């Protein structure tokens, strides 16, 4: 890992933990044990560091999802593992990170949102088409539409608290289950619904892996 990569990873960890505005360019070298000069030799300012860090983090996350897809025994298993991975990532990020990004760095937010949406739609389309090949999903369904709708469901799940959709009486687990499960069952074949049933029977064991 070179200095630039170390700075990006370290800074993004700080941004995720404390929020973007709370982390100064003086705090980053102090936290990482490097000189301030090294920071500015690699990044012009905090905005560039944030933008490049988010892009690099997105690329790394994309590789993780590719590995999940390649190693999963079937597409249903892959979907649940991807959901678990995304949830774990979101759990590590302070809500102030997103509010700071929206309020103070709207250009970066627009850039990364557009890039994320494009890449996510392509990835999910590939995954759902694989499900058709595995005879897990119905062949007659337009998977381009399915992938687009799935991205909207993910967005709703991630922004539910901000939009006041999530009731205080619902757990996050319950909310996600009832948000995604009806749609997933609806596009599945008998084989797919059986895989879903098997997964649900072993839900606790699965989530501990």
N, C-alpha and C. Protein backbone atom coordinates (compact mmCIF):
# COMPACT_ATOMS: atom_id res chain seq x y z
N UNK A 1 0.84 -1.20 0.00
CA UNK A 1 0.00 0.00 0.00
C UNK A 1 0.88 1.25 0.00
N UNK A 2 0.68 2.12 -0.99
CA UNK A 2 1.48 3.34 -1.05
C UNK A 2 0.88 4.42 -0.16
N UNK A 3 1.59 5.56 -0.07
CA UNK A 3 1.18 6.64 0.83
C UNK A 3 -0.20 7.18 0.46
N UNK A 4 -0.47 7.34 -0.82
CA UNK A 4 -1.76 7.88 -1.26
C UNK A 4 -2.92 6.96 -0.83
N UNK A 5 -2.73 5.68 -1.01
CA UNK A 5 -3.78 4.73 -0.63
C UNK A 5 -3.97 4.73 0.88
N UNK A 6 -2.88 4.79 1.63
CA UNK A 6 -2.97 4.80 3.09
C UNK A 6 -3.70 6.04 3.59
N UNK A 7 -3.41 7.17 2.97
CA UNK A 7 -4.09 8.41 3.36
C UNK A 7 -5.57 8.33 3.07
N UNK A 8 -5.94 7.84 1.88
CA UNK A 8 -7.36 7.73 1.52
C UNK A 8 -8.10 6.82 2.48
N UNK A 9 -7.54 5.65 2.76
CA UNK A 9 -8.20 4.70 3.65
C UNK A 9 -8.34 5.28 5.05
N UNK A 10 -7.26 5.87 5.55
CA UNK A 10 -7.28 6.45 6.90
C UNK A 10 -8.26 7.60 7.01
N UNK A 11 -8.26 8.48 6.01
CA UNK A 11 -9.16 9.64 6.03
C UNK A 11 -10.62 9.19 5.94
N UNK A 12 -10.91 8.23 5.08
CA UNK A 12 -12.29 7.76 4.94
C UNK A 12 -12.78 7.09 6.22
N UNK A 13 -11.90 6.41 6.91
CA UNK A 13 -12.27 5.82 8.21
C UNK A 13 -12.65 6.92 9.20
N UNK A 14 -11.89 8.02 9.19
CA UNK A 14 -12.19 9.14 10.08
C UNK A 14 -13.49 9.83 9.68
N UNK A 15 -13.68 10.05 8.38
CA UNK A 15 -14.91 10.68 7.91
C UNK A 15 -16.13 9.83 8.29
N UNK A 16 -15.99 8.52 8.12
CA UNK A 16 -17.10 7.62 8.42
C UNK A 16 -17.40 7.59 9.92
N UNK A 17 -16.36 7.69 10.72
CA UNK A 17 -16.54 7.61 12.18
C UNK A 17 -17.09 8.91 12.78
N UNK A 18 -16.53 10.04 12.34
CA UNK A 18 -16.82 11.32 12.99
C UNK A 18 -17.65 12.29 12.16
N UNK A 19 -17.88 11.97 10.89
CA UNK A 19 -18.50 12.93 10.00
C UNK A 19 -17.43 13.72 9.27
N UNK A 20 -17.76 14.27 8.12
CA UNK A 20 -16.76 14.93 7.28
C UNK A 20 -16.31 16.25 7.87
N UNK A 21 -17.25 17.06 8.30
CA UNK A 21 -16.93 18.41 8.79
C UNK A 21 -16.08 18.38 10.06
N UNK A 22 -16.23 17.33 10.85
CA UNK A 22 -15.51 17.24 12.12
C UNK A 22 -14.03 16.92 11.94
N UNK A 23 -13.67 16.40 10.78
CA UNK A 23 -12.29 15.97 10.53
C UNK A 23 -11.55 17.05 9.74
N UNK A 24 -10.55 17.64 10.36
CA UNK A 24 -9.76 18.67 9.69
C UNK A 24 -8.55 18.06 9.00
N UNK A 25 -7.94 18.82 8.13
CA UNK A 25 -6.72 18.35 7.46
C UNK A 25 -5.56 18.25 8.43
N UNK A 26 -5.65 18.89 9.58
CA UNK A 26 -4.63 18.75 10.63
C UNK A 26 -4.83 17.45 11.40
N UNK A 27 -6.09 17.04 11.54
CA UNK A 27 -6.39 15.84 12.32
C UNK A 27 -5.96 14.57 11.60
N UNK A 28 -6.01 14.59 10.28
CA UNK A 28 -5.70 13.38 9.50
C UNK A 28 -4.25 12.93 9.68
N UNK A 29 -3.25 13.80 9.45
CA UNK A 29 -1.87 13.33 9.65
C UNK A 29 -1.58 12.94 11.10
N UNK A 30 -2.22 13.65 12.05
CA UNK A 30 -2.01 13.31 13.45
C UNK A 30 -2.54 11.92 13.76
N UNK A 31 -3.68 11.58 13.18
CA UNK A 31 -4.29 10.27 13.40
C UNK A 31 -3.51 9.17 12.71
N UNK A 32 -2.96 9.47 11.53
CA UNK A 32 -2.27 8.45 10.74
C UNK A 32 -0.79 8.34 11.06
N UNK A 33 -0.27 9.29 11.82
CA UNK A 33 1.14 9.26 12.17
C UNK A 33 2.05 9.62 11.02
N UNK A 34 1.59 10.53 10.15
CA UNK A 34 2.41 11.01 9.04
C UNK A 34 2.43 12.53 9.07
N UNK A 35 3.25 13.11 8.23
CA UNK A 35 3.37 14.56 8.23
C UNK A 35 2.26 15.20 7.41
N UNK A 36 1.94 16.44 7.75
CA UNK A 36 0.95 17.19 6.99
C UNK A 36 1.44 17.42 5.56
N UNK A 37 2.74 17.54 5.42
CA UNK A 37 3.33 17.74 4.11
C UNK A 37 3.02 16.56 3.19
N UNK A 38 3.08 15.36 3.76
CA UNK A 38 2.79 14.16 2.97
C UNK A 38 1.36 14.18 2.45
N UNK A 39 0.45 14.68 3.29
CA UNK A 39 -0.95 14.79 2.86
C UNK A 39 -1.06 15.67 1.63
N UNK A 40 -0.43 16.85 1.70
CA UNK A 40 -0.56 17.82 0.61
C UNK A 40 0.30 17.48 -0.61
N UNK A 41 1.25 16.58 -0.44
CA UNK A 41 1.99 16.09 -1.60
C UNK A 41 1.12 15.15 -2.45
N UNK A 42 0.09 14.59 -1.83
CA UNK A 42 -0.77 13.63 -2.52
C UNK A 42 -2.16 14.17 -2.85
N UNK A 43 -2.61 15.15 -2.08
CA UNK A 43 -3.95 15.69 -2.29
C UNK A 43 -3.93 17.21 -2.16
N UNK A 44 -4.61 17.87 -3.07
CA UNK A 44 -4.62 19.34 -3.08
C UNK A 44 -5.33 19.90 -1.86
N UNK A 45 -6.47 19.27 -1.51
CA UNK A 45 -7.25 19.76 -0.37
C UNK A 45 -8.18 18.65 0.11
N UNK A 46 -8.99 18.98 1.09
CA UNK A 46 -9.89 18.02 1.69
C UNK A 46 -10.94 17.52 0.69
N UNK A 47 -11.40 18.41 -0.17
CA UNK A 47 -12.41 18.05 -1.16
C UNK A 47 -11.89 16.97 -2.11
N UNK A 48 -10.66 17.15 -2.58
CA UNK A 48 -10.07 16.15 -3.48
C UNK A 48 -9.87 14.82 -2.74
N UNK A 49 -9.43 14.90 -1.50
CA UNK A 49 -9.21 13.69 -0.70
C UNK A 49 -10.53 12.94 -0.50
N UNK A 50 -11.58 13.68 -0.19
CA UNK A 50 -12.89 13.06 0.01
C UNK A 50 -13.40 12.42 -1.28
N UNK A 51 -13.31 13.16 -2.38
CA UNK A 51 -13.81 12.64 -3.66
C UNK A 51 -13.06 11.38 -4.08
N UNK A 52 -11.73 11.43 -4.04
CA UNK A 52 -10.94 10.28 -4.45
C UNK A 52 -11.12 9.10 -3.49
N UNK A 53 -11.30 9.41 -2.20
CA UNK A 53 -11.50 8.35 -1.22
C UNK A 53 -12.81 7.63 -1.42
N UNK A 54 -13.86 8.38 -1.72
CA UNK A 54 -15.17 7.77 -1.97
C UNK A 54 -15.13 6.90 -3.23
N UNK A 55 -14.48 7.40 -4.27
CA UNK A 55 -14.38 6.64 -5.52
C UNK A 55 -13.61 5.34 -5.30
N UNK A 56 -12.48 5.44 -4.60
CA UNK A 56 -11.66 4.26 -4.33
C UNK A 56 -12.42 3.26 -3.46
N UNK A 57 -13.15 3.78 -2.46
CA UNK A 57 -13.93 2.91 -1.59
C UNK A 57 -15.03 2.20 -2.36
N UNK A 58 -15.64 2.91 -3.29
CA UNK A 58 -16.68 2.30 -4.12
C UNK A 58 -16.13 1.20 -5.00
N UNK A 59 -14.94 1.43 -5.56
CA UNK A 59 -14.31 0.41 -6.40
C UNK A 59 -13.99 -0.85 -5.58
N UNK A 60 -13.49 -0.63 -4.36
CA UNK A 60 -13.15 -1.76 -3.49
C UNK A 60 -14.41 -2.54 -3.10
N UNK A 61 -15.46 -1.81 -2.80
CA UNK A 61 -16.72 -2.46 -2.44
C UNK A 61 -17.26 -3.26 -3.63
N UNK A 62 -17.11 -2.71 -4.82
CA UNK A 62 -17.55 -3.42 -6.03
C UNK A 62 -16.82 -4.73 -6.22
N UNK A 63 -15.53 -4.74 -5.93
CA UNK A 63 -14.75 -5.97 -6.04
C UNK A 63 -15.22 -7.01 -5.02
N UNK A 64 -15.57 -6.53 -3.83
CA UNK A 64 -16.08 -7.44 -2.80
C UNK A 64 -17.37 -8.10 -3.25
N UNK A 65 -18.27 -7.31 -3.86
CA UNK A 65 -19.53 -7.87 -4.34
C UNK A 65 -19.30 -8.84 -5.49
N UNK A 66 -18.33 -8.55 -6.35
CA UNK A 66 -18.01 -9.48 -7.44
C UNK A 66 -17.54 -10.83 -6.88
N UNK A 67 -16.73 -10.77 -5.83
CA UNK A 67 -16.24 -12.00 -5.21
C UNK A 67 -17.39 -12.79 -4.59
N UNK A 68 -18.32 -12.08 -3.96
CA UNK A 68 -19.48 -12.75 -3.38
C UNK A 68 -20.27 -13.46 -4.47
N UNK A 69 -20.50 -12.77 -5.57
CA UNK A 69 -21.26 -13.34 -6.69
C UNK A 69 -20.56 -14.55 -7.27
N UNK A 70 -19.26 -14.48 -7.42
CA UNK A 70 -18.50 -15.57 -8.02
C UNK A 70 -18.45 -16.81 -7.13
N UNK A 71 -18.45 -16.60 -5.81
CA UNK A 71 -18.26 -17.71 -4.88
C UNK A 71 -19.56 -18.27 -4.32
N UNK A 72 -20.67 -17.58 -4.53
CA UNK A 72 -21.94 -18.05 -3.99
C UNK A 72 -22.43 -19.29 -4.74
N UNK A 73 -23.03 -20.25 -4.06
CA UNK A 73 -23.53 -21.46 -4.73
C UNK A 73 -24.73 -21.21 -5.63
N UNK A 74 -25.47 -20.13 -5.37
CA UNK A 74 -26.61 -19.78 -6.21
C UNK A 74 -26.92 -18.30 -6.03
N UNK A 75 -27.80 -17.78 -6.86
CA UNK A 75 -28.06 -16.35 -6.87
C UNK A 75 -28.81 -15.89 -5.61
N UNK A 76 -29.62 -16.75 -5.02
CA UNK A 76 -30.33 -16.39 -3.79
C UNK A 76 -29.34 -16.20 -2.65
N UNK A 77 -28.40 -17.13 -2.56
CA UNK A 77 -27.34 -17.02 -1.56
C UNK A 77 -26.55 -15.73 -1.77
N UNK A 78 -26.23 -15.43 -3.02
CA UNK A 78 -25.47 -14.22 -3.34
C UNK A 78 -26.22 -12.96 -2.91
N UNK A 79 -27.53 -12.91 -3.19
CA UNK A 79 -28.32 -11.73 -2.84
C UNK A 79 -28.33 -11.49 -1.34
N UNK A 80 -28.49 -12.53 -0.56
CA UNK A 80 -28.51 -12.35 0.88
C UNK A 80 -27.14 -11.96 1.43
N UNK A 81 -26.10 -12.53 0.87
CA UNK A 81 -24.76 -12.17 1.33
C UNK A 81 -24.42 -10.72 0.94
N UNK A 82 -24.88 -10.31 -0.22
CA UNK A 82 -24.67 -8.92 -0.65
C UNK A 82 -25.44 -7.97 0.27
N UNK A 83 -26.67 -8.36 0.62
CA UNK A 83 -27.44 -7.53 1.54
C UNK A 83 -26.78 -7.41 2.90
N UNK A 84 -26.23 -8.52 3.36
CA UNK A 84 -25.53 -8.51 4.65
C UNK A 84 -24.28 -7.63 4.59
N UNK A 85 -23.52 -7.74 3.50
CA UNK A 85 -22.32 -6.93 3.33
C UNK A 85 -22.66 -5.45 3.30
N UNK A 86 -23.69 -5.08 2.55
CA UNK A 86 -24.09 -3.67 2.46
C UNK A 86 -24.55 -3.14 3.82
N UNK A 87 -25.28 -3.97 4.55
CA UNK A 87 -25.75 -3.56 5.87
C UNK A 87 -24.58 -3.32 6.82
N UNK A 88 -23.59 -4.21 6.78
CA UNK A 88 -22.43 -4.07 7.66
C UNK A 88 -21.64 -2.81 7.33
N UNK A 89 -21.54 -2.49 6.05
CA UNK A 89 -20.84 -1.27 5.64
C UNK A 89 -21.57 -0.05 6.17
N UNK A 90 -22.90 -0.03 6.00
CA UNK A 90 -23.69 1.12 6.44
C UNK A 90 -23.65 1.29 7.95
N UNK A 91 -23.55 0.20 8.68
CA UNK A 91 -23.51 0.25 10.14
C UNK A 91 -22.26 0.97 10.66
N UNK A 92 -21.22 0.98 9.85
CA UNK A 92 -19.96 1.57 10.26
C UNK A 92 -19.88 3.08 9.96
N UNK A 93 -20.89 3.61 9.30
CA UNK A 93 -20.83 5.00 8.86
C UNK A 93 -21.75 5.87 9.72
N UNK A 94 -21.17 6.90 10.30
CA UNK A 94 -21.92 7.87 11.10
C UNK A 94 -22.92 8.60 10.19
N UNK A 95 -24.18 8.73 10.60
CA UNK A 95 -25.15 9.46 9.78
C UNK A 95 -24.71 10.87 9.42
N UNK A 96 -23.84 11.45 10.23
CA UNK A 96 -23.34 12.80 9.93
C UNK A 96 -22.53 12.83 8.65
N UNK A 97 -21.94 11.69 8.29
CA UNK A 97 -21.18 11.63 7.04
C UNK A 97 -22.07 11.99 5.86
N UNK A 98 -23.25 11.39 5.83
CA UNK A 98 -24.16 11.62 4.71
C UNK A 98 -24.78 13.01 4.75
N UNK A 99 -25.10 13.49 5.95
CA UNK A 99 -25.67 14.84 6.05
C UNK A 99 -24.62 15.88 5.66
N UNK A 100 -23.37 15.66 6.05
CA UNK A 100 -22.28 16.58 5.66
C UNK A 100 -22.07 16.55 4.15
N UNK A 101 -22.11 15.36 3.59
CA UNK A 101 -21.90 15.20 2.14
C UNK A 101 -23.01 15.93 1.38
N UNK A 102 -24.23 15.77 1.83
CA UNK A 102 -25.38 16.39 1.16
C UNK A 102 -25.35 17.91 1.28
N UNK A 103 -24.97 18.41 2.45
CA UNK A 103 -25.03 19.85 2.71
C UNK A 103 -23.83 20.61 2.18
N UNK A 104 -22.63 20.05 2.35
CA UNK A 104 -21.41 20.79 2.07
C UNK A 104 -20.67 20.34 0.81
N UNK A 105 -20.99 19.13 0.31
CA UNK A 105 -20.30 18.63 -0.89
C UNK A 105 -21.31 18.07 -1.90
N UNK A 106 -22.29 18.87 -2.31
CA UNK A 106 -23.33 18.37 -3.22
C UNK A 106 -22.80 17.90 -4.57
N UNK A 107 -21.72 18.53 -5.06
CA UNK A 107 -21.15 18.11 -6.35
C UNK A 107 -20.58 16.71 -6.26
N UNK A 108 -19.90 16.42 -5.15
CA UNK A 108 -19.35 15.07 -4.96
C UNK A 108 -20.48 14.07 -4.79
N UNK A 109 -21.50 14.45 -4.04
CA UNK A 109 -22.64 13.56 -3.84
C UNK A 109 -23.30 13.22 -5.16
N UNK A 110 -23.49 14.21 -6.02
CA UNK A 110 -24.11 13.97 -7.32
C UNK A 110 -23.25 13.05 -8.18
N UNK A 111 -21.93 13.29 -8.15
CA UNK A 111 -21.01 12.47 -8.94
C UNK A 111 -21.03 11.02 -8.50
N UNK A 112 -20.88 10.79 -7.20
CA UNK A 112 -20.78 9.42 -6.71
C UNK A 112 -22.13 8.71 -6.78
N UNK A 113 -23.22 9.45 -6.61
CA UNK A 113 -24.54 8.84 -6.71
C UNK A 113 -24.81 8.35 -8.12
N UNK A 114 -24.47 9.19 -9.08
CA UNK A 114 -24.65 8.81 -10.48
C UNK A 114 -23.79 7.61 -10.84
N UNK A 115 -22.54 7.62 -10.40
CA UNK A 115 -21.62 6.52 -10.69
C UNK A 115 -22.07 5.24 -9.99
N UNK A 116 -22.48 5.38 -8.72
CA UNK A 116 -22.94 4.22 -7.95
C UNK A 116 -24.18 3.59 -8.59
N UNK A 117 -25.13 4.43 -8.98
CA UNK A 117 -26.37 3.93 -9.56
C UNK A 117 -26.11 3.17 -10.86
N UNK A 118 -25.24 3.74 -11.69
CA UNK A 118 -24.92 3.10 -12.98
C UNK A 118 -24.26 1.74 -12.76
N UNK A 119 -23.25 1.70 -11.89
CA UNK A 119 -22.53 0.45 -11.64
C UNK A 119 -23.42 -0.57 -10.95
N UNK A 120 -24.24 -0.11 -10.00
CA UNK A 120 -25.11 -1.02 -9.27
C UNK A 120 -26.14 -1.66 -10.18
N UNK A 121 -26.70 -0.85 -11.09
CA UNK A 121 -27.70 -1.38 -12.01
C UNK A 121 -27.08 -2.45 -12.92
N UNK A 122 -25.87 -2.21 -13.41
CA UNK A 122 -25.20 -3.18 -14.27
C UNK A 122 -24.90 -4.47 -13.49
N UNK A 123 -24.45 -4.30 -12.25
CA UNK A 123 -24.13 -5.47 -11.43
C UNK A 123 -25.38 -6.29 -11.14
N UNK A 124 -26.46 -5.62 -10.74
CA UNK A 124 -27.68 -6.34 -10.40
C UNK A 124 -28.31 -6.98 -11.63
N UNK A 125 -28.19 -6.33 -12.78
CA UNK A 125 -28.70 -6.92 -14.02
C UNK A 125 -27.96 -8.22 -14.32
N UNK A 126 -26.65 -8.20 -14.14
CA UNK A 126 -25.85 -9.40 -14.36
C UNK A 126 -26.25 -10.51 -13.37
N UNK A 127 -26.50 -10.11 -12.14
CA UNK A 127 -26.88 -11.07 -11.11
C UNK A 127 -28.25 -11.68 -11.39
N UNK A 128 -29.21 -10.84 -11.75
CA UNK A 128 -30.55 -11.35 -12.03
C UNK A 128 -30.58 -12.22 -13.29
N UNK A 129 -29.79 -11.85 -14.28
CA UNK A 129 -29.71 -12.69 -15.48
C UNK A 129 -29.07 -14.04 -15.17
N UNK A 130 -28.12 -14.03 -14.25
CA UNK A 130 -27.55 -15.30 -13.81
C UNK A 130 -28.62 -16.15 -13.14
N UNK A 131 -29.50 -15.48 -12.39
CA UNK A 131 -30.60 -16.19 -11.75
C UNK A 131 -31.54 -16.83 -12.75
N UNK A 132 -31.74 -16.18 -13.89
CA UNK A 132 -32.55 -16.77 -14.96
C UNK A 132 -31.86 -18.01 -15.51
N UNK A 133 -30.55 -17.92 -15.71
CA UNK A 133 -29.79 -19.07 -16.22
C UNK A 133 -29.83 -20.24 -15.22
N UNK A 134 -29.86 -19.93 -13.95
CA UNK A 134 -29.94 -20.96 -12.91
C UNK A 134 -31.36 -21.47 -12.72
N UNK A 135 -32.31 -20.89 -13.47
CA UNK A 135 -33.73 -21.22 -13.37
C UNK A 135 -34.29 -20.89 -11.99
N UNK A 136 -33.72 -19.89 -11.37
CA UNK A 136 -34.18 -19.40 -10.07
C UNK A 136 -35.21 -18.29 -10.27
N UNK A 137 -35.03 -17.48 -11.31
CA UNK A 137 -35.95 -16.40 -11.63
C UNK A 137 -36.68 -16.70 -12.94
N UNK A 138 -37.89 -16.16 -13.06
CA UNK A 138 -38.71 -16.40 -14.23
C UNK A 138 -38.07 -15.83 -15.49
N UNK A 139 -38.02 -16.62 -16.52
CA UNK A 139 -37.39 -16.23 -17.78
C UNK A 139 -38.18 -15.14 -18.51
N UNK A 140 -39.48 -15.09 -18.30
CA UNK A 140 -40.34 -14.17 -19.05
C UNK A 140 -40.29 -12.74 -18.52
N UNK A 141 -39.65 -12.53 -17.38
CA UNK A 141 -39.63 -11.20 -16.75
C UNK A 141 -38.48 -10.38 -17.32
N UNK A 142 -38.72 -9.11 -17.56
CA UNK A 142 -37.70 -8.18 -18.06
C UNK A 142 -36.74 -7.84 -16.92
N UNK A 143 -35.53 -8.40 -16.95
CA UNK A 143 -34.59 -8.23 -15.87
C UNK A 143 -33.97 -6.83 -15.81
N UNK A 144 -34.04 -6.09 -16.90
CA UNK A 144 -33.58 -4.70 -16.85
C UNK A 144 -34.49 -3.88 -15.94
N UNK A 145 -35.79 -4.13 -16.04
CA UNK A 145 -36.73 -3.46 -15.16
C UNK A 145 -36.53 -3.92 -13.71
N UNK A 146 -36.36 -5.23 -13.54
CA UNK A 146 -36.15 -5.79 -12.21
C UNK A 146 -34.94 -5.16 -11.53
N UNK A 147 -33.83 -5.05 -12.27
CA UNK A 147 -32.60 -4.47 -11.71
C UNK A 147 -32.82 -3.02 -11.30
N UNK A 148 -33.54 -2.26 -12.13
CA UNK A 148 -33.81 -0.85 -11.82
C UNK A 148 -34.69 -0.71 -10.58
N UNK A 149 -35.72 -1.55 -10.48
CA UNK A 149 -36.60 -1.51 -9.32
C UNK A 149 -35.84 -1.91 -8.06
N UNK A 150 -34.97 -2.91 -8.18
CA UNK A 150 -34.20 -3.36 -7.02
C UNK A 150 -33.32 -2.24 -6.48
N UNK A 151 -32.72 -1.46 -7.37
CA UNK A 151 -31.89 -0.32 -6.94
C UNK A 151 -32.75 0.68 -6.17
N UNK A 152 -33.98 0.89 -6.62
CA UNK A 152 -34.88 1.81 -5.92
C UNK A 152 -35.24 1.27 -4.54
N UNK A 153 -35.42 -0.04 -4.42
CA UNK A 153 -35.71 -0.64 -3.12
C UNK A 153 -34.53 -0.49 -2.17
N UNK A 154 -33.33 -0.69 -2.69
CA UNK A 154 -32.13 -0.52 -1.87
C UNK A 154 -32.02 0.93 -1.40
N UNK A 155 -32.29 1.86 -2.31
CA UNK A 155 -32.24 3.29 -1.95
C UNK A 155 -33.27 3.61 -0.88
N UNK A 156 -34.46 3.05 -1.00
CA UNK A 156 -35.50 3.26 0.00
C UNK A 156 -35.08 2.70 1.35
N UNK A 157 -34.47 1.51 1.34
CA UNK A 157 -34.02 0.89 2.58
C UNK A 157 -32.94 1.73 3.26
N UNK A 158 -32.02 2.27 2.48
CA UNK A 158 -30.91 3.03 3.05
C UNK A 158 -31.31 4.41 3.52
N UNK A 159 -32.37 4.96 2.94
CA UNK A 159 -32.79 6.31 3.28
C UNK A 159 -34.11 6.35 4.04
N UNK A 160 -34.50 5.22 4.60
CA UNK A 160 -35.81 5.11 5.24
C UNK A 160 -35.94 6.02 6.46
N UNK A 161 -34.90 6.11 7.27
CA UNK A 161 -34.98 6.94 8.48
C UNK A 161 -35.04 8.42 8.12
N UNK A 162 -34.25 8.81 7.13
CA UNK A 162 -34.22 10.21 6.72
C UNK A 162 -35.56 10.64 6.14
N UNK A 163 -36.25 9.73 5.45
CA UNK A 163 -37.51 10.07 4.81
C UNK A 163 -38.72 9.74 5.69
N UNK A 164 -38.49 9.33 6.94
CA UNK A 164 -39.56 9.02 7.90
C UNK A 164 -40.45 7.87 7.44
N UNK A 165 -39.90 6.97 6.64
CA UNK A 165 -40.67 5.81 6.19
C UNK A 165 -40.66 4.72 7.27
N UNK A 166 -39.54 4.59 7.96
CA UNK A 166 -39.36 3.51 8.93
C UNK A 166 -40.01 3.87 10.26
N UNK A 167 -40.96 3.06 10.68
CA UNK A 167 -41.64 3.27 11.95
C UNK A 167 -40.73 2.86 13.11
N UNK A 168 -40.88 3.53 14.23
CA UNK A 168 -40.09 3.18 15.41
C UNK A 168 -40.43 1.78 15.93
N UNK A 169 -41.59 1.28 15.53
CA UNK A 169 -42.01 -0.04 16.01
C UNK A 169 -41.43 -1.18 15.18
N UNK A 170 -40.75 -0.85 14.07
CA UNK A 170 -40.17 -1.87 13.21
C UNK A 170 -38.66 -1.93 13.42
N UNK A 171 -38.12 -3.13 13.47
CA UNK A 171 -36.66 -3.29 13.49
C UNK A 171 -36.15 -3.16 12.05
N UNK A 172 -34.87 -2.84 11.92
CA UNK A 172 -34.28 -2.75 10.59
C UNK A 172 -34.39 -4.09 9.87
N UNK A 173 -34.17 -5.17 10.61
CA UNK A 173 -34.25 -6.51 10.03
C UNK A 173 -35.66 -6.78 9.49
N UNK A 174 -36.68 -6.41 10.28
CA UNK A 174 -38.07 -6.63 9.87
C UNK A 174 -38.41 -5.77 8.66
N UNK A 175 -37.95 -4.52 8.68
CA UNK A 175 -38.21 -3.60 7.57
C UNK A 175 -37.62 -4.14 6.27
N UNK A 176 -36.37 -4.56 6.31
CA UNK A 176 -35.70 -5.07 5.11
C UNK A 176 -36.37 -6.36 4.62
N UNK A 177 -36.76 -7.21 5.56
CA UNK A 177 -37.39 -8.47 5.18
C UNK A 177 -38.66 -8.21 4.38
N UNK A 178 -39.53 -7.36 4.90
CA UNK A 178 -40.81 -7.11 4.25
C UNK A 178 -40.69 -6.19 3.04
N UNK A 179 -39.59 -5.51 2.91
CA UNK A 179 -39.37 -4.67 1.74
C UNK A 179 -38.92 -5.50 0.54
N UNK A 180 -37.96 -6.38 0.77
CA UNK A 180 -37.36 -7.13 -0.33
C UNK A 180 -38.02 -8.48 -0.61
N UNK A 181 -38.50 -9.14 0.44
CA UNK A 181 -38.98 -10.52 0.28
C UNK A 181 -40.15 -10.66 -0.68
N UNK A 182 -41.20 -9.84 -0.59
CA UNK A 182 -42.32 -10.02 -1.54
C UNK A 182 -41.87 -9.87 -2.99
N UNK A 183 -40.99 -8.91 -3.25
CA UNK A 183 -40.53 -8.70 -4.62
C UNK A 183 -39.70 -9.88 -5.10
N UNK A 184 -38.82 -10.37 -4.22
CA UNK A 184 -37.95 -11.47 -4.59
C UNK A 184 -38.76 -12.73 -4.87
N UNK A 185 -39.73 -13.00 -4.04
CA UNK A 185 -40.59 -14.17 -4.27
C UNK A 185 -41.38 -14.02 -5.56
N UNK A 186 -41.79 -12.79 -5.84
CA UNK A 186 -42.62 -12.54 -7.01
C UNK A 186 -41.94 -12.81 -8.34
N UNK A 187 -40.61 -12.67 -8.39
CA UNK A 187 -39.90 -12.92 -9.65
C UNK A 187 -39.29 -14.32 -9.71
N UNK A 188 -39.50 -15.10 -8.65
CA UNK A 188 -38.85 -16.41 -8.56
C UNK A 188 -39.69 -17.53 -9.16
N UNK A 189 -39.01 -18.55 -9.63
CA UNK A 189 -39.64 -19.79 -10.06
C UNK A 189 -39.91 -20.65 -8.82
N UNK A 190 -40.49 -21.81 -9.03
CA UNK A 190 -40.68 -22.73 -7.90
C UNK A 190 -39.33 -23.10 -7.29
N UNK A 191 -38.33 -23.28 -8.13
CA UNK A 191 -36.99 -23.60 -7.63
C UNK A 191 -36.46 -22.45 -6.78
N UNK A 192 -36.66 -21.23 -7.25
CA UNK A 192 -36.19 -20.06 -6.50
C UNK A 192 -36.89 -19.92 -5.17
N UNK A 193 -38.21 -20.12 -5.15
CA UNK A 193 -38.96 -20.01 -3.90
C UNK A 193 -38.57 -21.09 -2.91
N UNK A 194 -38.19 -22.26 -3.42
CA UNK A 194 -37.70 -23.32 -2.54
C UNK A 194 -36.36 -22.94 -1.92
N UNK A 195 -35.48 -22.33 -2.71
CA UNK A 195 -34.20 -21.86 -2.18
C UNK A 195 -34.43 -20.79 -1.11
N UNK A 196 -35.37 -19.90 -1.37
CA UNK A 196 -35.70 -18.87 -0.38
C UNK A 196 -36.21 -19.51 0.90
N UNK A 197 -37.09 -20.51 0.77
CA UNK A 197 -37.62 -21.21 1.94
C UNK A 197 -36.50 -21.86 2.75
N UNK A 198 -35.58 -22.51 2.06
CA UNK A 198 -34.46 -23.16 2.74
C UNK A 198 -33.60 -22.13 3.46
N UNK A 199 -33.39 -21.00 2.82
CA UNK A 199 -32.61 -19.94 3.45
C UNK A 199 -33.29 -19.43 4.71
N UNK A 200 -34.59 -19.17 4.63
CA UNK A 200 -35.32 -18.63 5.78
C UNK A 200 -35.32 -19.59 6.95
N UNK A 201 -35.34 -20.89 6.67
CA UNK A 201 -35.29 -21.88 7.74
C UNK A 201 -33.95 -21.85 8.48
N UNK A 202 -32.92 -21.40 7.77
CA UNK A 202 -31.58 -21.37 8.36
C UNK A 202 -31.08 -19.94 8.53
N UNK A 203 -32.03 -19.01 8.68
CA UNK A 203 -31.68 -17.59 8.68
C UNK A 203 -30.66 -17.23 9.76
N UNK A 204 -30.89 -17.66 10.98
CA UNK A 204 -29.97 -17.32 12.08
C UNK A 204 -28.58 -17.89 11.85
N UNK A 205 -28.51 -19.12 11.38
CA UNK A 205 -27.21 -19.74 11.10
C UNK A 205 -26.51 -19.01 9.98
N UNK A 206 -27.26 -18.62 8.97
CA UNK A 206 -26.69 -17.92 7.82
C UNK A 206 -26.10 -16.59 8.22
N UNK A 207 -26.82 -15.81 9.03
CA UNK A 207 -26.38 -14.47 9.37
C UNK A 207 -25.18 -14.47 10.31
N UNK A 208 -24.89 -15.62 10.93
CA UNK A 208 -23.73 -15.70 11.81
C UNK A 208 -22.45 -15.99 11.05
N UNK A 209 -22.55 -16.35 9.77
CA UNK A 209 -21.37 -16.72 8.99
C UNK A 209 -20.53 -15.49 8.70
